[in-house]
C-alpha atoms as a PDB file:
ATOM      1  CA  MET A   1      15.763   0.852   4.384  1.00  0.00           C
ATOM      2  CA  LYS A   2      13.190  -1.911   4.919  1.00  0.00           C
ATOM      3  CA  VAL A   3      14.718  -5.232   6.002  1.00  0.00           C
ATOM      4  CA  PHE A   4      13.027  -8.633   6.263  1.00  0.00           C
ATOM      5  CA  VAL A   5      14.653 -11.105   8.688  1.00  0.00           C
ATOM      6  CA  ILE A   6      13.585 -14.660   7.802  1.00  0.00           C
ATOM      7  CA  SER A   7      14.644 -17.271  10.323  1.00  0.00           C
ATOM      8  CA  ASP A   8      14.788 -20.980  11.075  1.00  0.00           C
ATOM      9  CA  MET A   9      16.007 -22.900  14.120  1.00  0.00           C
ATOM     10  CA  GLU A  10      18.218 -25.730  12.913  1.00  0.00           C
ATOM     11  CA  GLY A  11      21.070 -23.456  11.837  1.00  0.00           C
ATOM     12  CA  VAL A  12      21.424 -21.736  15.213  1.00  0.00           C
ATOM     13  CA  ALA A  13      24.642 -22.161  17.228  1.00  0.00           C
ATOM     14  CA  GLY A  14      24.141 -24.729  19.982  1.00  0.00           C
ATOM     15  CA  ILE A  15      21.355 -26.625  18.198  1.00  0.00           C
ATOM     16  CA  VAL A  16      22.040 -30.117  16.833  1.00  0.00           C
ATOM     17  CA  LYS A  17      19.064 -32.278  17.927  1.00  0.00           C
ATOM     18  CA  TRP A  18      15.375 -32.431  17.006  1.00  0.00           C
ATOM     19  CA  GLU A  19      14.542 -32.243  20.715  1.00  0.00           C
ATOM     20  CA  GLN A  20      15.855 -28.661  20.727  1.00  0.00           C
ATOM     21  CA  THR A  21      13.519 -27.629  17.907  1.00  0.00           C
ATOM     22  CA  THR A  22      10.311 -29.553  18.658  1.00  0.00           C
ATOM     23  CA  GLY A  23       7.596 -27.699  20.540  1.00  0.00           C
ATOM     24  CA  GLY A  24       6.861 -29.151  23.970  1.00  0.00           C
ATOM     25  CA  ASP A  25      10.091 -31.131  24.350  1.00  0.00           C
ATOM     26  CA  PRO A  26      12.107 -30.159  27.458  1.00  0.00           C
ATOM     27  CA  MET A  27      15.122 -28.963  25.428  1.00  0.00           C
ATOM     28  CA  TYR A  28      12.930 -26.812  23.151  1.00  0.00           C
ATOM     29  CA  GLU A  29      12.862 -23.902  25.615  1.00  0.00           C
ATOM     30  CA  GLU A  30      16.663 -23.742  25.487  1.00  0.00           C
ATOM     31  CA  GLY A  31      16.482 -23.821  21.687  1.00  0.00           C
ATOM     32  CA  ARG A  32      13.935 -20.980  21.617  1.00  0.00           C
ATOM     33  CA  ARG A  33      16.218 -18.744  23.667  1.00  0.00           C
ATOM     34  CA  LEU A  34      19.249 -19.495  21.492  1.00  0.00           C
ATOM     35  CA  TYR A  35      17.106 -18.835  18.415  1.00  0.00           C
ATOM     36  CA  THR A  36      15.689 -15.526  19.635  1.00  0.00           C
ATOM     37  CA  GLU A  37      19.097 -14.157  20.572  1.00  0.00           C
ATOM     38  CA  GLU A  38      20.551 -14.871  17.118  1.00  0.00           C
ATOM     39  CA  ILE A  39      17.645 -13.001  15.572  1.00  0.00           C
ATOM     40  CA  ASN A  40      18.299 -10.136  17.985  1.00  0.00           C
ATOM     41  CA  ALA A  41      21.885 -10.038  16.759  1.00  0.00           C
ATOM     42  CA  ALA A  42      20.698  -9.740  13.155  1.00  0.00           C
ATOM     43  CA  VAL A  43      18.287  -6.958  14.148  1.00  0.00           C
ATOM     44  CA  ARG A  44      21.068  -5.015  15.875  1.00  0.00           C
ATOM     45  CA  GLY A  45      23.326  -5.443  12.861  1.00  0.00           C
ATOM     46  CA  ALA A  46      20.560  -4.389  10.491  1.00  0.00           C
ATOM     47  CA  ARG A  47      19.972  -1.189  12.439  1.00  0.00           C
ATOM     48  CA  ALA A  48      23.700  -0.460  12.421  1.00  0.00           C
ATOM     49  CA  GLY A  49      23.645  -1.061   8.651  1.00  0.00           C
ATOM     50  CA  GLY A  50      20.949   1.531   8.067  1.00  0.00           C
ATOM     51  CA  ALA A  51      17.654  -0.341   8.443  1.00  0.00           C
ATOM     52  CA  THR A  52      14.750   1.907   9.379  1.00  0.00           C
ATOM     53  CA  GLU A  53      12.070  -0.791   9.467  1.00  0.00           C
ATOM     54  CA  ILE A  54      12.715  -4.432  10.370  1.00  0.00           C
ATOM     55  CA  VAL A  55      10.196  -7.270  10.281  1.00  0.00           C
ATOM     56  CA  VAL A  56      11.117 -10.728  11.587  1.00  0.00           C
ATOM     57  CA  MET A  57       9.325 -13.828  10.258  1.00  0.00           C
ATOM     58  CA  ASP A  58       9.777 -17.122  12.094  1.00  0.00           C
ATOM     59  CA  CYS A  59       9.743 -19.934   9.514  1.00  0.00           C
ATOM     60  CA  HIS A  60      10.286 -22.863  11.867  1.00  0.00           C
ATOM     61  CA  GLY A  61       7.575 -25.512  12.057  1.00  0.00           C
ATOM     62  CA  ALA A  62       7.971 -26.650  15.660  1.00  0.00           C
ATOM     63  CA  GLY A  63       4.619 -28.430  15.812  1.00  0.00           C
ATOM     64  CA  LYS A  64       1.266 -27.606  17.396  1.00  0.00           C
ATOM     65  CA  ALA A  65       0.817 -23.965  18.472  1.00  0.00           C
ATOM     66  CA  TRP A  66       4.581 -23.405  18.315  1.00  0.00           C
ATOM     67  CA  SER A  67       4.786 -23.689  14.525  1.00  0.00           C
ATOM     68  CA  PHE A  68       6.043 -20.358  13.152  1.00  0.00           C
ATOM     69  CA  ASN A  69       5.775 -19.117  16.741  1.00  0.00           C
ATOM     70  CA  SER A  70       9.060 -20.250  18.313  1.00  0.00           C
ATOM     71  CA  LEU A  71      10.437 -16.833  19.224  1.00  0.00           C
ATOM     72  CA  VAL A  72      10.409 -15.793  22.884  1.00  0.00           C
ATOM     73  CA  PRO A  73       8.534 -12.469  22.678  1.00  0.00           C
ATOM     74  CA  ASP A  74       9.835 -11.095  25.978  1.00  0.00           C
ATOM     75  CA  LEU A  75      13.415 -11.526  24.774  1.00  0.00           C
ATOM     76  CA  LEU A  76      12.937 -10.108  21.290  1.00  0.00           C
ATOM     77  CA  ASP A  77      14.714  -6.845  20.440  1.00  0.00           C
ATOM     78  CA  PRO A  78      12.158  -3.995  20.591  1.00  0.00           C
ATOM     79  CA  GLY A  79      13.622  -2.497  17.422  1.00  0.00           C
ATOM     80  CA  CYS A  80      11.671  -4.894  15.184  1.00  0.00           C
ATOM     81  CA  ASP A  81       8.165  -6.145  14.508  1.00  0.00           C
ATOM     82  CA  TYR A  82       7.572  -9.869  14.183  1.00  0.00           C
ATOM     83  CA  VAL A  83       5.114 -12.078  12.335  1.00  0.00           C
ATOM     84  CA  VAL A  84       3.401 -15.268  13.437  1.00  0.00           C
ATOM     85  CA  GLN A  85       1.916 -16.881  10.321  1.00  0.00           C
ATOM     86  CA  GLU A  86      -0.464 -19.823  10.115  1.00  0.00           C
ATOM     87  CA  LYS A  87       1.168 -21.518   7.121  1.00  0.00           C
ATOM     88  CA  TRP A  88       4.726 -21.232   5.860  1.00  0.00           C
ATOM     89  CA  THR A  89       5.217 -18.763   2.963  1.00  0.00           C
ATOM     90  CA  GLU A  90       1.713 -17.273   3.366  1.00  0.00           C
ATOM     91  CA  TYR A  91       2.884 -13.894   4.739  1.00  0.00           C
ATOM     92  CA  THR A  92       3.828 -11.643   1.829  1.00  0.00           C
ATOM     93  CA  GLU A  93       2.521  -8.215   2.886  1.00  0.00           C
ATOM     94  CA  PHE A  94       5.911  -6.712   3.781  1.00  0.00           C
ATOM     95  CA  LEU A  95       7.372  -7.907   0.487  1.00  0.00           C
ATOM     96  CA  GLU A  96       4.411  -6.554  -1.457  1.00  0.00           C
ATOM     97  CA  GLN A  97       4.852  -3.133   0.185  1.00  0.00           C
ATOM     98  CA  GLY A  98       8.424  -2.983  -1.096  1.00  0.00           C
ATOM     99  CA  CYS A  99      11.288  -4.483   0.877  1.00  0.00           C
ATOM    100  CA  ASP A 100      14.932  -3.545   0.267  1.00  0.00           C
ATOM    101  CA  ALA A 101      16.739  -6.607   1.604  1.00  0.00           C
ATOM    102  CA  ALA A 102      16.274  -9.960   3.302  1.00  0.00           C
ATOM    103  CA  LEU A 103      18.547 -11.524   5.913  1.00  0.00           C
ATOM    104  CA  PHE A 104      18.268 -15.282   6.513  1.00  0.00           C
ATOM    105  CA  VAL A 105      19.192 -16.413  10.047  1.00  0.00           C
ATOM    106  CA  GLY A 106      19.531 -19.956  11.400  1.00  0.00           C
ATOM    107  CA  MET A 107      19.254 -21.727   8.041  1.00  0.00           C
ATOM    108  CA  HIS A 108      19.952 -25.429   7.494  1.00  0.00           C
ATOM    109  CA  ALA A 109      21.117 -27.301   4.408  1.00  0.00           C
ATOM    110  CA  MET A 110      18.871 -29.186   2.003  1.00  0.00           C
ATOM    111  CA  ALA A 111      18.005 -32.861   2.425  1.00  0.00           C
ATOM    112  CA  GLY A 112      20.975 -35.112   1.763  1.00  0.00           C
ATOM    113  CA  ALA A 113      23.625 -32.385   2.080  1.00  0.00           C
ATOM    114  CA  ALA A 114      26.956 -33.840   3.173  1.00  0.00           C
ATOM    115  CA  ARG A 115      27.707 -32.725   6.759  1.00  0.00           C
ATOM    116  CA  GLY A 116      24.544 -30.630   6.786  1.00  0.00           C
ATOM    117  CA  VAL A 117      23.483 -30.396  10.430  1.00  0.00           C
ATOM    118  CA  MET A 118      19.852 -31.586  10.719  1.00  0.00           C
ATOM    119  CA  ASN A 119      19.601 -31.379   6.929  1.00  0.00           C
ATOM    120  CA  HIS A 120      16.122 -31.688   5.429  1.00  0.00           C
ATOM    121  CA  THR A 121      13.831 -29.971   2.954  1.00  0.00           C
ATOM    122  CA  VAL A 122      10.610 -28.755   4.591  1.00  0.00           C
ATOM    123  CA  SER A 123       9.841 -30.612   7.809  1.00  0.00           C
ATOM    124  CA  GLY A 124       6.386 -32.154   7.908  1.00  0.00           C
ATOM    125  CA  GLN A 125       6.531 -32.912   4.172  1.00  0.00           C
ATOM    126  CA  GLN A 126       7.616 -36.227   2.692  1.00  0.00           C
ATOM    127  CA  TRP A 127      10.061 -34.689   0.231  1.00  0.00           C
ATOM    128  CA  ARG A 128      13.362 -36.247  -0.739  1.00  0.00           C
ATOM    129  CA  ASN A 129      14.399 -33.701  -3.368  1.00  0.00           C
ATOM    130  CA  LEU A 130      13.040 -30.420  -4.751  1.00  0.00           C
ATOM    131  CA  TRP A 131      13.927 -28.726  -8.041  1.00  0.00           C
ATOM    132  CA  PHE A 132      13.083 -25.309  -9.478  1.00  0.00           C
ATOM    133  CA  ASN A 133      13.487 -25.453 -13.271  1.00  0.00           C
ATOM    134  CA  GLY A 134      15.913 -28.333 -12.897  1.00  0.00           C
ATOM    135  CA  ARG A 135      17.952 -26.768 -10.090  1.00  0.00           C
ATOM    136  CA  LEU A 136      18.131 -28.707  -6.832  1.00  0.00           C
ATOM    137  CA  VAL A 137      17.175 -26.425  -3.928  1.00  0.00           C
ATOM    138  CA  GLY A 138      16.384 -26.500  -0.223  1.00  0.00           C
ATOM    139  CA  GLU A 139      14.590 -24.114   2.093  1.00  0.00           C
ATOM    140  CA  THR A 140      17.087 -21.331   1.408  1.00  0.00           C
ATOM    141  CA  GLY A 141      16.024 -21.547  -2.231  1.00  0.00           C
ATOM    142  CA  ILE A 142      12.326 -21.509  -1.344  1.00  0.00           C
ATOM    143  CA  ASN A 143      12.661 -18.452   0.875  1.00  0.00           C
ATOM    144  CA  ALA A 144      14.870 -16.713  -1.689  1.00  0.00           C
ATOM    145  CA  ALA A 145      12.318 -17.361  -4.443  1.00  0.00           C
ATOM    146  CA  LEU A 146       9.558 -15.983  -2.208  1.00  0.00           C
ATOM    147  CA  CYS A 147      11.557 -12.785  -1.652  1.00  0.00           C
ATOM    148  CA  GLY A 148      12.571 -12.610  -5.304  1.00  0.00           C
ATOM    149  CA  THR A 149       8.940 -12.712  -6.422  1.00  0.00           C
ATOM    150  CA  TRP A 150       8.691  -9.135  -5.161  1.00  0.00           C
ATOM    151  CA  GLY A 151      12.205  -8.097  -6.183  1.00  0.00           C
ATOM    152  CA  CYS A 152      13.794  -8.389  -2.730  1.00  0.00           C
ATOM    153  CA  PRO A 153      17.419  -9.635  -2.676  1.00  0.00           C
ATOM    154  CA  VAL A 154      18.816 -11.953  -0.009  1.00  0.00           C
ATOM    155  CA  LEU A 155      22.031 -10.414   1.328  1.00  0.00           C
ATOM    156  CA  LEU A 156      22.867 -12.667   4.296  1.00  0.00           C
ATOM    157  CA  VAL A 157      22.648 -16.366   5.172  1.00  0.00           C
ATOM    158  CA  THR A 158      23.714 -17.710   8.575  1.00  0.00           C
ATOM    159  CA  GLY A 159      23.828 -21.333   9.716  1.00  0.00           C
ATOM    160  CA  ASP A 160      26.292 -24.186   9.323  1.00  0.00           C
ATOM    161  CA  GLU A 161      29.057 -24.347   6.729  1.00  0.00           C
ATOM    162  CA  ALA A 162      26.940 -26.550   4.439  1.00  0.00           C
ATOM    163  CA  VAL A 163      24.087 -24.062   4.120  1.00  0.00           C
ATOM    164  CA  CYS A 164      26.513 -21.175   3.655  1.00  0.00           C
ATOM    165  CA  ALA A 165      28.041 -23.030   0.693  1.00  0.00           C
ATOM    166  CA  GLU A 166      24.532 -23.793  -0.591  1.00  0.00           C
ATOM    167  CA  GLY A 167      23.669 -20.101  -0.380  1.00  0.00           C
ATOM    168  CA  HIS A 168      26.758 -19.063  -2.339  1.00  0.00           C
ATOM    169  CA  GLU A 169      26.054 -21.640  -5.033  1.00  0.00           C
ATOM    170  CA  LEU A 170      22.484 -20.437  -5.441  1.00  0.00           C
ATOM    171  CA  LEU A 171      22.851 -16.672  -4.973  1.00  0.00           C
ATOM    172  CA  GLY A 172      26.457 -15.954  -5.902  1.00  0.00           C
ATOM    173  CA  GLN A 173      29.652 -14.865  -4.200  1.00  0.00           C
ATOM    174  CA  GLY A 174      28.242 -11.429  -3.360  1.00  0.00           C
ATOM    175  CA  LEU A 175      26.186 -13.082  -0.632  1.00  0.00           C
ATOM    176  CA  THR A 176      27.441 -12.497   2.918  1.00  0.00           C
ATOM    177  CA  THR A 177      27.480 -15.686   4.993  1.00  0.00           C
ATOM    178  CA  VAL A 178      28.174 -16.415   8.651  1.00  0.00           C
ATOM    179  CA  ALA A 179      28.960 -20.017   9.592  1.00  0.00           C
ATOM    180  CA  VAL A 180      28.308 -20.706  13.276  1.00  0.00           C
ATOM    181  CA  LYS A 181      29.031 -24.450  13.150  1.00  0.00           C
ATOM    182  CA  ARG A 182      30.665 -27.147  11.040  1.00  0.00           C
ATOM    183  CA  GLY A 183      28.783 -30.390  10.673  1.00  0.00           C
ATOM    184  CA  LEU A 184      30.492 -33.592  11.763  1.00  0.00           C
ATOM    185  CA  GLY A 185      27.364 -35.609  10.959  1.00  0.00           C
ATOM    186  CA  ARG A 186      23.657 -34.953  10.708  1.00  0.00           C
ATOM    187  CA  PHE A 187      23.299 -34.552  14.480  1.00  0.00           C
ATOM    188  CA  SER A 188      26.776 -33.456  15.527  1.00  0.00           C
ATOM    189  CA  ALA A 189      28.863 -30.349  14.945  1.00  0.00           C
ATOM    190  CA  ARG A 190      31.851 -28.313  16.015  1.00  0.00           C
ATOM    191  CA  GLN A 191      30.222 -25.049  17.067  1.00  0.00           C
ATOM    192  CA  VAL A 192      30.993 -21.427  17.780  1.00  0.00           C
ATOM    193  CA  PRO A 193      29.765 -20.547  21.309  1.00  0.00           C
ATOM    194  CA  PRO A 194      26.468 -18.644  21.129  1.00  0.00           C
ATOM    195  CA  LEU A 195      27.837 -15.375  22.512  1.00  0.00           C
ATOM    196  CA  ARG A 196      30.547 -15.250  19.834  1.00  0.00           C
ATOM    197  CA  ALA A 197      28.126 -16.445  17.160  1.00  0.00           C
ATOM    198  CA  ARG A 198      25.824 -13.509  17.911  1.00  0.00           C
ATOM    199  CA  GLY A 199      28.676 -11.064  17.492  1.00  0.00           C
ATOM    200  CA  LEU A 200      29.537 -12.600  14.118  1.00  0.00           C
ATOM    201  CA  ILE A 201      25.904 -12.429  12.983  1.00  0.00           C
ATOM    202  CA  GLU A 202      25.525  -8.822  14.079  1.00  0.00           C
ATOM    203  CA  ASP A 203      28.654  -7.853  12.163  1.00  0.00           C
ATOM    204  CA  GLY A 204      27.573  -9.915   9.148  1.00  0.00           C
ATOM    205  CA  ALA A 205      24.169  -8.221   8.983  1.00  0.00           C
ATOM    206  CA  ARG A 206      25.759  -4.779   9.174  1.00  0.00           C
ATOM    207  CA  ARG A 207      28.250  -5.603   6.429  1.00  0.00           C
ATOM    208  CA  ALA A 208      25.643  -7.238   4.203  1.00  0.00           C
ATOM    209  CA  LEU A 209      23.476  -4.122   4.144  1.00  0.00           C
ATOM    210  CA  GLY A 210      26.482  -2.044   3.126  1.00  0.00           C
ATOM    211  CA  ASP A 211      25.986  -3.146  -0.484  1.00  0.00           C
ATOM    212  CA  PRO A 212      22.314  -3.865  -1.269  1.00  0.00           C
ATOM    213  CA  LYS A 213      23.189  -4.611  -4.912  1.00  0.00           C
ATOM    214  CA  ALA A 214      25.749  -7.307  -4.098  1.00  0.00           C
ATOM    215  CA  VAL A 215      23.114  -9.989  -4.757  1.00  0.00           C
ATOM    216  CA  SER A 216      20.367  -9.923  -7.379  1.00  0.00           C
ATOM    217  CA  PRO A 217      16.838 -10.980  -6.408  1.00  0.00           C
ATOM    218  CA  TYR A 218      16.467 -14.718  -7.042  1.00  0.00           C
ATOM    219  CA  ASP A 219      14.094 -15.719  -9.846  1.00  0.00           C
ATOM    220  CA  PRO A 220      14.062 -19.457 -10.704  1.00  0.00           C
ATOM    221  CA  GLY A 221      12.945 -18.543 -14.243  1.00  0.00           C
ATOM    222  CA  ARG A 222       9.801 -18.090 -16.307  1.00  0.00           C
ATOM    223  CA  PRO A 223       7.881 -20.213 -17.002  1.00  0.00           C
ATOM    224  CA  CYS A 224       8.612 -22.270 -13.907  1.00  0.00           C
ATOM    225  CA  GLU A 225       8.535 -25.983 -13.225  1.00  0.00           C
ATOM    226  CA  ILE A 226       8.652 -27.192  -9.629  1.00  0.00           C
ATOM    227  CA  ARG A 227       9.499 -30.881  -9.361  1.00  0.00           C
ATOM    228  CA  VAL A 228       9.357 -32.867  -6.115  1.00  0.00           C
ATOM    229  CA  GLU A 229      10.677 -36.359  -5.448  1.00  0.00           C
ATOM    230  CA  LEU A 230       8.684 -37.840  -2.571  1.00  0.00           C
ATOM    231  CA  THR A 231       9.845 -40.390  -0.025  1.00  0.00           C
ATOM    232  CA  THR A 232       6.860 -42.767  -0.364  1.00  0.00           C
ATOM    233  CA  THR A 233       4.183 -43.641  -2.895  1.00  0.00           C
ATOM    234  CA  SER A 234       1.396 -42.708  -0.463  1.00  0.00           C
ATOM    235  CA  ALA A 235       2.773 -39.165  -0.201  1.00  0.00           C
ATOM    236  CA  ALA A 236       1.579 -38.502  -3.758  1.00  0.00           C
ATOM    237  CA  ASP A 237      -2.067 -39.051  -2.837  1.00  0.00           C
ATOM    238  CA  GLU A 238      -2.657 -35.567  -1.435  1.00  0.00           C
ATOM    239  CA  TYR A 239      -1.661 -34.021  -4.758  1.00  0.00           C
ATOM    240  CA  ARG A 240      -3.971 -36.037  -7.031  1.00  0.00           C
ATOM    241  CA  HIS A 241      -6.708 -33.440  -7.271  1.00  0.00           C
ATOM    242  CA  LYS A 242      -4.681 -30.225  -7.207  1.00  0.00           C
ATOM    243  CA  ALA A 243      -5.159 -28.178 -10.373  1.00  0.00           C
ATOM    244  CA  GLY A 244      -1.911 -27.656 -12.262  1.00  0.00           C
ATOM    245  CA  VAL A 245      -0.110 -30.513 -10.486  1.00  0.00           C
ATOM    246  CA  GLU A 246       0.880 -33.635 -12.403  1.00  0.00           C
ATOM    247  CA  ILE A 247       1.867 -36.938 -10.833  1.00  0.00           C
ATOM    248  CA  VAL A 248       4.578 -38.154 -13.197  1.00  0.00           C
ATOM    249  CA  ASP A 249       5.286 -41.438 -11.438  1.00  0.00           C
ATOM    250  CA  SER A 250       4.582 -43.109  -8.103  1.00  0.00           C
ATOM    251  CA  ARG A 251       6.906 -40.796  -6.112  1.00  0.00           C
ATOM    252  CA  GLU A 252       7.308 -37.675  -8.242  1.00  0.00           C
ATOM    253  CA  ILE A 253       5.091 -34.673  -8.898  1.00  0.00           C
ATOM    254  CA  VAL A 254       5.421 -31.568 -11.079  1.00  0.00           C
ATOM    255  CA  SER A 255       3.752 -28.165 -10.842  1.00  0.00           C
ATOM    256  CA  ARG A 256       4.067 -25.837 -13.843  1.00  0.00           C
ATOM    257  CA  ALA A 257       3.005 -22.209 -14.220  1.00  0.00           C
ATOM    258  CA  ASP A 258       4.029 -18.907 -15.783  1.00  0.00           C
ATOM    259  CA  ASP A 259       6.145 -17.988 -12.751  1.00  0.00           C
ATOM    260  CA  TRP A 260       7.470 -19.504  -9.527  1.00  0.00           C
ATOM    261  CA  TRP A 261       4.844 -18.041  -7.191  1.00  0.00           C
ATOM    262  CA  ARG A 262       1.927 -19.469  -9.168  1.00  0.00           C
ATOM    263  CA  ALA A 263       3.636 -22.850  -9.479  1.00  0.00           C
ATOM    264  CA  TRP A 264       4.338 -22.861  -5.731  1.00  0.00           C
ATOM    265  CA  GLN A 265       0.786 -21.897  -4.778  1.00  0.00           C
ATOM    266  CA  GLN A 266      -0.680 -24.630  -6.981  1.00  0.00           C
ATOM    267  CA  PHE A 267       0.768 -27.477  -5.004  1.00  0.00           C
ATOM    268  CA  PHE A 268       1.778 -26.085  -1.609  1.00  0.00           C
ATOM    269  CA  PHE A 269      -1.423 -24.332  -0.559  1.00  0.00           C
END
């Protein structure tokens, strides 16, 4: 069984501040260790659940050379390979080869989510809201659509309670979720201690792989319209000359194509 572990930092137990997730800040090194150990837990659980090949892809944009490179290699479980990509969503090789399941670790809720710890939709982008064929989504939806393009189902989401609820709403009740914290505000949470959180994630990954058909691969629909509400009028400028992208008003753009992947590529790359 081939398993893709896709990870982000903000949903990790013990992390509630940007300083823990921003490359070069003093607290970032603590965040990296917490992050790596939750991924290790998912890798252990995946192996116990029958995985024979595991690839980990860091999807956290920490800034500078740390973007998509936040894992601590010396601490990473030797039972997996890991990917450092240059641009988010560019690595698709493992999916193209045929991947049986994806496990999402350390996810955060979409921008504006009530009690979503560090909620946002794609750091570094001036996006207020994102829709796929009229459905409001966050980064869980983006990653799920990426996996779904090649028929790979998402079986596990870990993070705070808000993103677990978001995952169920998007992917259905067959999704296994592990909540490691409950948001009290955007930068505060009641948290499960990291050691216990890792045990819960390991068990969740093992259980999730027990039924690979519990969740269908996510397809936003065909044809596909991606709509983005931006935070400022100047944010629309970079999209003015992208083929297939329409600026519908001063803070809103639309990309349309036959399927999600083509619509995504048109405006994101």
